[in-house]
Protein backbone atom coordinates (compact mmCIF):
# COMPACT_ATOMS: atom_id res chain seq x y z
CA MET A 1 11.99 8.33 6.57
CA SER A 2 11.41 5.90 9.49
CA LEU A 3 9.82 2.59 8.58
CA GLU A 4 8.50 2.08 12.11
CA LYS A 5 4.94 2.91 11.00
CA HIS A 6 4.90 -0.35 9.01
CA ILE A 7 5.41 -2.55 12.08
CA ASP A 8 2.33 -4.67 12.75
CA PHE A 9 3.07 -7.80 14.76
CA ASN A 10 -0.43 -9.13 14.12
CA GLN A 11 0.43 -9.83 10.50
CA LEU A 12 3.12 -12.32 11.60
CA THR A 13 2.59 -15.97 12.46
CA PRO A 14 3.96 -17.14 15.85
CA ASP A 15 6.89 -18.81 14.02
CA GLN A 16 7.64 -15.61 12.10
CA PHE A 17 7.57 -13.63 15.34
CA GLU A 18 10.08 -16.04 16.88
CA GLU A 19 12.31 -15.74 13.82
CA LEU A 20 12.14 -11.94 14.03
CA CYS A 21 13.19 -12.04 17.68
CA PHE A 22 16.01 -14.46 16.77
CA GLU A 23 17.37 -12.03 14.16
CA LEU A 24 17.02 -9.10 16.55
CA LEU A 25 19.21 -10.91 19.10
CA ILE A 26 21.91 -11.39 16.46
CA LYS A 27 21.80 -7.63 15.78
CA HIS A 28 22.30 -6.87 19.47
CA GLY A 29 25.39 -8.95 20.15
CA PHE A 30 24.08 -12.23 21.55
CA THR A 31 26.07 -15.35 20.69
CA SER A 32 25.57 -19.14 20.74
CA ILE A 33 21.98 -18.48 19.76
CA THR A 34 19.73 -21.52 19.47
CA TRP A 35 16.19 -21.31 18.14
CA ARG A 36 14.35 -24.33 19.55
CA GLN A 37 11.91 -24.89 16.69
CA GLY A 38 9.29 -27.61 16.76
CA GLY A 39 8.30 -29.95 19.56
CA ALA A 40 8.73 -29.22 23.25
CA ASP A 41 10.87 -26.15 23.85
CA ASN A 42 11.58 -26.79 27.57
CA GLY A 43 10.50 -23.35 28.62
CA ARG A 44 12.16 -21.20 26.01
CA ASP A 45 11.87 -20.51 22.32
CA ILE A 46 15.42 -19.22 22.05
CA GLU A 47 18.49 -19.47 24.23
CA ALA A 48 21.65 -17.41 23.87
CA ASP A 49 24.73 -16.11 25.62
CA LEU A 50 25.74 -12.51 26.12
CA SER A 51 29.36 -11.58 26.73
CA ILE A 52 29.72 -9.03 29.52
CA SER A 53 32.93 -7.09 30.12
CA ASN A 54 33.89 -5.62 33.45
CA GLY A 55 37.05 -3.76 34.37
CA VAL A 56 37.43 -5.73 37.57
CA LEU A 57 36.02 -9.15 36.70
CA GLY A 58 37.04 -9.26 33.06
CA THR A 59 34.81 -10.85 30.41
CA PHE A 60 32.26 -13.53 31.16
CA ASN A 61 29.12 -14.98 29.58
CA GLU A 62 25.63 -15.07 30.98
CA LYS A 63 22.91 -17.45 29.81
CA PHE A 64 19.60 -16.02 28.55
CA PHE A 65 16.30 -17.78 27.86
CA PHE A 66 13.87 -16.02 25.52
CA GLU A 67 10.17 -16.75 25.26
CA CYS A 68 8.30 -15.15 22.32
CA LYS A 69 4.59 -14.45 22.68
CA ARG A 70 2.77 -13.26 19.56
CA TYR A 71 -0.55 -12.11 21.01
CA GLU A 72 -3.15 -9.65 19.74
CA LYS A 73 -4.49 -9.04 23.26
CA GLY A 74 -2.96 -8.91 26.71
CA VAL A 75 -0.84 -11.86 27.88
CA PRO A 76 -2.15 -13.38 31.16
CA PRO A 77 -0.09 -14.98 33.99
CA SER A 78 -1.07 -18.49 32.84
CA GLU A 79 1.03 -18.01 29.67
CA LEU A 80 4.14 -17.18 31.71
CA ASN A 81 3.96 -19.50 34.70
CA SER A 82 5.36 -22.68 33.09
CA LYS A 83 8.26 -20.71 31.58
CA ILE A 84 9.27 -19.46 35.01
CA ALA A 85 9.10 -23.04 36.30
CA TRP A 86 11.45 -24.24 33.54
CA ALA A 87 13.86 -21.42 34.36
CA ASP A 88 13.80 -22.58 37.99
CA ALA A 89 14.90 -26.01 36.80
CA GLU A 90 17.37 -25.01 34.05
CA LYS A 91 18.96 -22.09 35.95
CA PRO A 92 19.79 -19.42 33.35
CA GLN A 93 20.92 -16.03 34.61
CA HIS A 94 18.08 -14.28 32.73
CA ILE A 95 14.71 -15.00 31.21
CA VAL A 96 13.27 -12.54 28.70
CA PHE A 97 9.68 -12.40 27.50
CA PHE A 98 9.26 -10.84 24.06
CA ILE A 99 5.58 -9.92 23.86
CA SER A 100 4.04 -8.49 20.68
CA SER A 101 1.19 -6.89 22.63
CA TYR A 102 1.31 -6.21 26.38
CA LEU A 103 0.97 -7.83 29.79
CA THR A 104 -2.40 -7.83 31.47
CA ASN A 105 -2.50 -6.01 34.80
CA ASN A 106 -2.69 -9.34 36.61
CA ALA A 107 0.36 -10.61 34.74
CA ARG A 108 2.31 -7.44 35.50
CA GLU A 109 1.56 -7.73 39.23
CA TRP A 110 2.38 -11.44 39.18
CA ILE A 111 5.76 -10.84 37.51
CA GLU A 112 6.71 -8.24 40.11
CA LYS A 113 5.98 -10.72 42.92
CA VAL A 114 7.83 -13.58 41.20
CA LYS A 115 10.94 -11.45 40.65
CA LYS A 116 11.51 -11.18 44.40
CA ASP A 117 11.91 -14.94 44.91
CA ARG A 118 14.08 -15.85 41.91
CA PHE A 119 17.84 -15.99 41.57
CA PHE A 120 17.59 -15.19 37.83
CA LYS A 121 16.49 -11.84 36.43
CA ILE A 122 13.14 -11.58 34.65
CA HIS A 123 12.78 -9.08 31.79
CA VAL A 124 9.68 -8.18 29.78
CA VAL A 125 9.90 -6.47 26.39
CA GLU A 126 6.40 -5.42 25.36
CA GLY A 127 5.18 -4.43 21.90
CA LYS A 128 5.87 -0.70 22.09
CA THR A 129 9.42 -1.22 23.32
CA LEU A 130 9.99 -3.95 20.76
CA SER A 131 8.83 -1.60 18.00
CA ARG A 132 11.34 1.02 19.14
CA LEU A 133 14.12 -1.57 19.05
CA LEU A 134 13.13 -2.66 15.54
CA ALA A 135 13.04 0.95 14.38
CA GLN A 136 16.86 0.84 14.49
CA HIS A 137 16.87 -1.92 11.85
CA ASP A 138 15.19 -0.99 8.59
CA ASP A 139 16.28 -4.28 7.03
CA LEU A 140 14.26 -6.29 9.55
CA ILE A 141 11.21 -4.07 9.09
CA SER A 142 11.48 -4.44 5.33
CA LYS A 143 11.87 -8.22 5.58
CA TYR A 144 9.01 -8.94 7.96
CA PHE A 145 6.51 -6.12 7.51
CA ILE A 146 6.95 -4.57 4.07
CA LYS A 147 5.96 -7.36 1.74
CA ASN A 148 6.22 -5.18 -1.35
CA LYS A 149 7.79 -1.73 -1.24
CA PHE A 150 6.19 -0.83 -4.56
CA ILE A 151 2.70 -1.54 -3.22
CA ASN A 152 3.51 0.66 -0.23
CA LEU A 153 4.64 3.46 -2.51
CA LEU A 154 1.43 3.10 -4.53
CA ASP A 155 -0.67 3.24 -1.35
CA GLU A 156 1.20 6.37 -0.20
CA THR A 157 0.71 7.95 -3.63
CA ILE A 158 -3.02 7.22 -3.56
CA SER A 159 -3.29 8.57 -0.01
CA LYS A 160 -1.66 11.88 -0.99
CA TRP A 161 -3.96 12.09 -4.00
CA THR A 162 -7.17 11.43 -2.06
CA LEU A 163 -6.26 13.61 0.93
CA HIS A 164 -4.43 16.50 -0.74
CA ASN A 165 -5.09 16.13 -4.48
CA LEU A 166 -1.35 15.74 -5.07
CA THR A 167 -0.48 14.10 -8.38
CA PRO A 168 2.83 12.20 -8.55
CA ASN A 169 5.42 13.45 -11.01
CA PHE A 170 6.09 11.46 -14.13
CA TRP A 171 9.16 9.71 -12.75
CA THR A 172 7.27 8.40 -9.68
CA TYR A 173 4.41 7.30 -11.91
CA TYR A 174 6.70 5.48 -14.34
CA TYR A 175 8.64 3.90 -11.47
CA LEU A 176 5.39 2.42 -10.17
CA LEU A 177 4.30 1.12 -13.58
CA ASP A 178 7.70 -0.39 -14.24
CA ASN A 179 7.91 -2.27 -10.94
CA LEU A 180 4.38 -3.19 -9.87
CA ASP A 181 2.94 -6.62 -10.60
CA LYS A 182 -0.21 -5.28 -12.23
CA GLU A 183 -2.04 -8.61 -12.14
CA SER A 184 -1.83 -8.59 -8.33
CA LEU A 185 -3.32 -5.10 -7.92
CA THR A 186 -6.89 -4.43 -6.87
CA THR A 187 -9.23 -3.05 -9.53
CA ASN A 188 -9.36 0.24 -7.61
CA GLN A 189 -5.58 0.56 -7.81
CA LEU A 190 -5.57 -0.30 -11.52
CA VAL A 191 -8.28 2.27 -12.25
CA TYR A 192 -6.34 4.91 -10.31
CA LEU A 193 -3.14 4.30 -12.31
CA TYR A 194 -4.98 4.24 -15.63
CA VAL A 195 -7.22 7.25 -15.14
CA LEU A 196 -4.44 9.25 -13.49
CA TYR A 197 -2.36 9.04 -16.64
CA PHE A 198 -5.02 10.32 -19.03
CA THR A 199 -6.57 12.95 -16.76
CA ASN A 200 -3.10 14.43 -16.21
CA TYR A 201 -1.85 13.78 -19.73
CA SER A 202 -0.57 17.29 -20.45
CA LYS A 203 1.37 17.24 -17.18
CA LEU A 204 2.66 13.67 -17.13
CA GLU A 205 3.14 13.07 -20.84
CA GLU A 206 3.20 16.28 -22.91
CA LEU A 207 5.30 18.17 -20.38
CA GLU A 208 7.37 15.90 -18.17
CA ASN A 209 7.87 12.87 -20.38
CA GLU A 210 7.85 14.52 -23.80
CA ILE A 211 10.28 17.28 -22.80
CA TYR A 212 12.35 15.81 -19.98
CA HIS A 213 12.32 12.01 -20.14
CA GLY A 214 11.39 10.56 -23.51
CA ILE A 215 10.46 7.21 -21.95
CA GLU A 216 8.28 4.73 -23.81
CA ILE A 217 5.28 4.08 -21.62
CA SER A 218 2.73 2.72 -24.08
CA ASP A 219 3.37 -0.95 -23.19
CA HIS A 220 2.43 -0.28 -19.58
CA ILE A 221 -0.73 1.56 -20.60
CA TYR A 222 -1.65 -1.27 -22.95
CA GLU A 223 -1.20 -3.79 -20.14
CA LEU A 224 -3.50 -1.78 -17.87
CA SER A 225 -6.08 -1.57 -20.68
CA GLU A 226 -6.05 -5.32 -21.21
CA ILE A 227 -6.62 -6.02 -17.53
CA LEU A 228 -9.35 -3.41 -17.10
CA LYS A 229 -11.26 -4.65 -20.15
CA LYS A 230 -12.01 -7.80 -18.20
CA LYS A 231 -13.30 -5.88 -15.18
CA HIS A 232 -16.08 -3.81 -16.78
CA SER A 233 -19.10 -3.24 -14.57
CA CYS A 234 -21.52 -1.21 -16.74
CA ASP A 235 -23.55 -1.93 -19.87
CA HIS A 236 -24.31 1.75 -20.36
CA SER A 237 -22.32 4.97 -20.11
CA VAL A 238 -20.71 5.41 -16.71
CA LEU A 239 -21.96 9.01 -16.70
CA ILE A 240 -25.60 7.96 -16.57
CA GLY A 241 -26.72 8.66 -13.01
CA GLU A 242 -24.14 11.41 -12.50
CA PHE A 243 -25.88 14.77 -12.02
CA ASP A 244 -24.74 18.30 -12.86
CA PHE A 245 -21.49 17.05 -14.39
CA ASP A 246 -19.20 20.07 -14.64
CA THR A 247 -15.71 19.78 -16.16
CA LEU A 248 -12.88 21.46 -14.27
CA SER A 249 -9.92 20.43 -16.45
CA ASP A 250 -9.61 18.97 -19.95
CA GLU A 251 -7.31 16.48 -21.61
CA GLY A 252 -7.09 14.71 -24.97
CA TYR A 253 -9.53 15.96 -27.58
CA LEU A 254 -11.15 18.22 -24.98
CA LYS A 255 -7.89 20.16 -24.86
CA ALA A 256 -6.77 19.70 -28.45
CA ASP A 257 -6.12 22.13 -31.25
CA GLU A 258 -5.07 21.09 -34.74
CA GLU A 259 -1.34 21.29 -33.96
CA SER A 260 -1.43 19.21 -30.76
CA ASN A 261 -3.85 16.79 -32.39
CA LEU A 262 -1.37 16.03 -35.15
CA LYS A 263 1.53 15.78 -32.71
CA PHE A 264 0.00 13.52 -30.05
CA LYS A 265 -2.60 11.60 -32.07
CA TYR A 266 -5.12 11.53 -29.26
CA ASP A 267 -7.51 8.61 -28.90
CA PHE A 268 -9.34 9.80 -25.77
CA ILE A 269 -11.13 12.52 -23.87
CA ALA A 270 -10.50 12.93 -20.15
CA CYS A 271 -11.32 15.47 -17.48
CA GLU A 272 -11.54 16.28 -13.82
CA ALA A 273 -15.11 17.22 -12.93
CA SER A 274 -17.58 17.78 -10.13
CA THR A 275 -20.90 15.97 -9.79
CA LYS A 276 -23.78 16.48 -7.41
CA GLN A 277 -24.03 14.14 -4.43
CA PRO A 278 -27.17 12.00 -3.97
CA ASP A 279 -28.34 14.43 -1.27
CA GLY A 280 -28.62 17.08 -3.99
CA LYS A 281 -26.90 19.65 -1.81
CA SER A 282 -23.16 19.02 -2.12
CA TYR A 283 -20.66 18.12 -4.85
CA LYS A 284 -17.84 15.63 -5.16
CA LEU A 285 -14.80 15.41 -7.41
CA CYS A 286 -14.48 12.73 -10.05
CA TYR A 287 -12.24 11.85 -13.00
CA TYR A 288 -13.62 10.72 -16.33
CA LEU A 289 -12.06 8.92 -19.29
CA PHE A 290 -13.41 7.75 -22.64
CA ARG A 291 -10.82 6.05 -24.81
CA ARG A 292 -10.88 4.22 -28.11
CA LEU A 293 -8.66 1.16 -27.73
CA SER A 294 -8.85 -0.22 -31.27
CA GLU A 295 -11.06 -0.10 -34.32
CA ASN A 296 -13.82 -1.99 -32.52
CA GLU A 297 -13.03 -1.39 -28.84
CA SER A 298 -13.51 1.40 -26.33
CA ILE A 299 -13.32 1.82 -22.58
CA GLU A 300 -15.06 4.39 -20.41
CA ILE A 301 -14.27 4.95 -16.73
CA ILE A 302 -15.36 7.27 -13.96
CA LEU A 303 -13.28 7.40 -10.76
CA HIS A 304 -14.61 9.26 -7.73
CA HIS A 305 -12.12 11.17 -5.62
CA THR A 306 -12.79 9.24 -2.42
CA SER A 307 -10.67 7.19 -0.06
CA SER A 308 -12.44 4.04 -1.30
CA LEU A 309 -11.70 4.95 -4.96
CA ASP A 310 -15.25 4.22 -6.14
CA PHE A 311 -15.39 3.61 -9.89
CA LYS A 312 -17.44 2.35 -12.82
CA ILE A 313 -16.05 0.77 -16.01
CA ARG A 314 -17.75 0.26 -19.35
CA TYR A 315 -15.98 -1.77 -22.02
CA SER A 316 -17.32 -2.19 -25.55
CA ASN A 317 -16.05 -4.56 -28.23
CA SER A 318 -18.44 -3.03 -30.78
CA TYR A 319 -17.30 0.59 -30.73
CA ASN A 320 -18.95 3.14 -32.99
CA PHE A 321 -18.73 6.89 -33.24
CA GLU A 322 -22.17 7.33 -31.66
CA GLN A 323 -20.78 6.06 -28.35
CA PHE A 324 -18.22 8.84 -28.43
CA ARG A 325 -20.89 11.38 -29.35
CA GLU A 326 -23.03 10.18 -26.43
CA ALA A 327 -20.06 10.62 -24.08
CA LEU A 328 -19.57 14.21 -25.26
CA ASN A 329 -23.25 14.94 -24.67
CA LEU A 330 -23.08 13.55 -21.13
CA VAL A 331 -19.93 15.51 -20.38
CA ASN A 332 -22.23 18.48 -20.74
CA LEU A 333 -20.13 20.68 -23.03
CA ARG A 334 -21.38 23.89 -24.54
CA GLN A 335 -22.72 23.09 -28.00
CA PRO A 336 -20.21 25.19 -30.02
CA PHE A 337 -17.30 23.57 -28.16
CA GLN A 338 -18.81 20.10 -28.55
CA ASP A 339 -19.10 20.65 -32.29
CA GLU A 340 -15.45 21.74 -32.40
CA VAL A 341 -14.33 18.61 -30.51
CA LEU A 342 -16.31 16.38 -32.89
CA VAL A 343 -14.53 17.92 -35.87
CA LEU A 344 -11.07 17.49 -34.31
CA SER A 345 -11.65 13.93 -33.12
CA SER A 346 -10.38 12.20 -36.23
CA ASN A 347 -9.09 9.12 -34.41
CA MET A 348 -12.49 8.49 -32.88
CA LYS A 349 -14.27 8.16 -36.25
């Protein structure tokens, strides 16, 4: 997969942009490269030689000056004029302008006029062309634009989930948990990882991990729990204010029978559901989790299936069984099924 989509010159400082251009020149065969960092640069940020071979003339070097312009908008003639003047004085064979954005129309017309009167060649490499050159060098893209490949994978995973409701397989999920710096994640990202696990428990854990992988994941889940405890935003059930809550899939005690209850020792209920929008006319998807963390602790989360990953978190350090009973009432189960869940939910008592 091409990494070109990650290129964003605006996230670089001017010095980083110069360094990127310096490394690109190395990749493309230039020699005697000098990066003129700091102080006056005498009309060029970088100078280099390029060896040219000709069947008649043999091999010879030509001198290049490179000026690197990291601009968010168009580059005007005033930013180029002094560099041309220095080239007049220093007499390279070529001057190259690396521009992260583009030339203004005035600058483009001015360059074309200046070219006619100069003994050296003037080249302009604008942002789109520069991106195509960089697309040949994944290592440079990774170094300068992909600060954390695991964060990028997480963002791609969330995008596929929000746009297409595609859940990652267990291996992708575990790979993320094992490599992400969880303390550096946004609360939205943490909630997504946490709720995703429990609302897809039978797929991610009972099926893929239990049968095919056998990987211990509890430490990662514990770490997420400890972080999210500190980020609670509700003093009441997160389901209060959600209307016409209708479960679409069930996990934990909502899915349990006596055999699976003994095997997996559930400490949660989780589901995918639909709730009515504030306009009262349409519905939206959400994911709900109520989990007992310890004898005295519980956490309750609702995550809305939106691109902004809207959520609410309730943490309690004075858990009691009535909180769990309240959650079951708000989940809006049929009474006979609710009674059955209450009987099975031994770890919640």
